[in-house]
Amino acid sequence: MAEILPDQELRNSLPKLADDLVARISEEDPEHCEELLGAFVSQLFLSATKQSLRRERRARQAEGIAKAKARGVQFGTRRKPLPDNFDEVRKSWRNREMNLKEAARLCGMPATTFYDAVRRAEQEAS
């Protein structure tokens, strides 16, 4: 027996789903059944179209980003240049001559920014 793929299972269940929906709408509002089903089909088509357009837009966007990165474009905010005393303060901090807050204050930056800059500088050095 051939294995049924998930999308094939879904396709096989669509006729029953449609029959159930028609039966439910017919029971709830028999006078407006055709109108409601028409509105449902229209909404279904619009939803599918929107989803398809979103998928296409994301694919084009990913393609554009990949091309830009291949050209060397960097995304995100630009980093401010490190202060002139950064390397000296970083070494003092690593030698435990001062704590993180003191080192950051001497460089004129928040502690988390100082710590991230240290990490990046040390990664680039290795």
Protein backbone atom coordinates (compact mmCIF):
# COMPACT_ATOMS: atom_id res chain seq x y z
CA MET A 1 0.00 0.00 0.00
CA ALA A 2 1.37 3.44 -0.95
CA GLU A 3 2.15 5.90 1.81
CA ILE A 4 -0.19 8.89 1.96
CA LEU A 5 1.64 12.19 2.31
CA PRO A 6 0.29 14.84 4.72
CA ASP A 7 -0.76 17.19 1.89
CA GLN A 8 -2.54 14.32 0.14
CA GLU A 9 -4.38 13.53 3.37
CA LEU A 10 -5.49 17.14 3.52
CA ARG A 11 -6.63 17.05 -0.12
CA ASN A 12 -8.59 13.87 0.56
CA SER A 13 -10.34 15.47 3.55
CA LEU A 14 -11.41 18.64 1.68
CA PRO A 15 -14.61 17.22 0.11
CA LYS A 16 -15.90 16.11 3.53
CA LEU A 17 -14.95 19.44 5.05
CA ALA A 18 -16.83 21.24 2.27
CA ASP A 19 -19.90 19.02 2.70
CA ASP A 20 -19.88 19.61 6.46
CA LEU A 21 -19.62 23.36 5.97
CA VAL A 22 -22.46 23.47 3.44
CA ALA A 23 -24.64 21.35 5.74
CA ARG A 24 -23.92 23.57 8.74
CA ILE A 25 -24.62 26.81 6.87
CA SER A 26 -27.80 25.30 5.39
CA GLU A 27 -28.99 24.37 8.88
CA GLU A 28 -28.11 27.73 10.45
CA ASP A 29 -29.52 30.02 7.77
CA PRO A 30 -31.23 28.20 4.89
CA GLU A 31 -32.57 31.43 3.35
CA HIS A 32 -29.11 32.94 2.88
CA CYS A 33 -27.15 29.74 2.33
CA GLU A 34 -26.02 30.53 -1.22
CA GLU A 35 -25.11 34.11 -0.30
CA LEU A 36 -23.10 32.99 2.72
CA LEU A 37 -21.32 30.28 0.75
CA GLY A 38 -20.47 32.81 -1.96
CA ALA A 39 -19.07 35.17 0.66
CA PHE A 40 -17.09 32.31 2.19
CA VAL A 41 -15.60 31.29 -1.16
CA SER A 42 -14.67 34.93 -1.87
CA GLN A 43 -13.01 35.26 1.52
CA LEU A 44 -11.21 31.95 1.02
CA PHE A 45 -9.88 33.14 -2.34
CA LEU A 46 -8.77 36.50 -0.88
CA SER A 47 -7.02 34.79 2.01
CA ALA A 48 -5.20 32.39 -0.30
CA THR A 49 -4.16 35.26 -2.58
CA LYS A 50 -2.86 37.32 0.35
CA GLN A 51 -0.89 34.38 1.68
CA SER A 52 0.60 33.72 -1.75
CA LEU A 53 1.58 37.39 -2.13
CA ARG A 54 3.18 37.40 1.33
CA ARG A 55 5.17 34.28 0.46
CA GLU A 56 6.35 35.83 -2.82
CA ARG A 57 7.29 39.10 -1.08
CA ARG A 58 9.30 37.25 1.56
CA ALA A 59 11.11 35.25 -1.12
CA ARG A 60 11.98 38.43 -3.06
CA GLN A 61 13.08 40.12 0.15
CA ALA A 62 15.32 37.19 1.12
CA GLU A 63 16.80 37.19 -2.37
CA GLY A 64 17.51 40.93 -2.16
CA ILE A 65 19.10 40.58 1.27
CA ALA A 66 21.31 37.73 0.05
CA LYS A 67 22.44 39.80 -2.96
CA ALA A 68 23.16 42.81 -0.75
CA LYS A 69 25.17 40.72 1.70
CA ALA A 70 27.14 39.24 -1.21
CA ARG A 71 28.03 42.81 -2.21
CA GLY A 72 29.24 43.43 1.35
CA VAL A 73 26.31 45.54 2.58
CA GLN A 74 26.03 45.44 6.35
CA PHE A 75 22.64 45.73 7.99
CA GLY A 76 21.74 47.31 11.31
CA THR A 77 22.79 50.49 13.01
CA ARG A 78 26.36 51.61 12.61
CA ARG A 79 28.53 51.29 15.66
CA LYS A 80 30.12 54.37 17.09
CA PRO A 81 33.90 54.34 17.02
CA LEU A 82 35.52 53.16 20.22
CA PRO A 83 37.17 55.82 22.39
CA ASP A 84 40.93 56.28 22.12
CA ASN A 85 41.49 54.87 25.63
CA PHE A 86 39.42 51.70 25.00
CA ASP A 87 42.30 49.23 24.60
CA GLU A 88 44.09 50.56 27.68
CA VAL A 89 40.92 50.46 29.80
CA ARG A 90 40.01 47.00 28.44
CA LYS A 91 43.40 45.61 29.46
CA SER A 92 43.11 47.17 32.91
CA TRP A 93 39.65 45.69 33.31
CA ARG A 94 40.85 42.25 32.18
CA ASN A 95 43.73 42.49 34.68
CA ARG A 96 41.12 43.20 37.37
CA GLU A 97 42.52 46.63 38.11
CA MET A 98 38.98 48.05 37.91
CA ASN A 99 35.44 46.76 37.77
CA LEU A 100 33.14 46.78 34.75
CA LYS A 101 31.26 49.93 35.75
CA GLU A 102 34.46 51.91 36.28
CA ALA A 103 35.89 50.75 32.96
CA ALA A 104 32.68 51.65 31.12
CA ARG A 105 32.53 55.06 32.79
CA LEU A 106 36.13 55.82 31.78
CA CYS A 107 35.21 54.97 28.17
CA GLY A 108 32.00 57.01 28.36
CA MET A 109 29.65 54.13 27.56
CA PRO A 110 27.12 51.93 29.35
CA ALA A 111 28.50 48.80 30.99
CA THR A 112 26.71 46.44 28.59
CA THR A 113 28.05 48.35 25.58
CA PHE A 114 31.56 48.25 27.01
CA TYR A 115 31.29 44.52 27.67
CA ASP A 116 29.98 43.85 24.12
CA ALA A 117 32.78 45.98 22.64
CA VAL A 118 35.36 44.01 24.64
CA ARG A 119 33.90 40.74 23.43
CA ARG A 120 33.92 41.89 19.79
CA ALA A 121 37.45 43.28 20.03
CA GLU A 122 38.74 40.04 21.53
CA GLN A 123 36.95 37.94 18.90
CA GLU A 124 38.46 40.04 16.13
CA ALA A 125 41.91 39.70 17.69
CA SER A 126 41.76 35.90 17.82
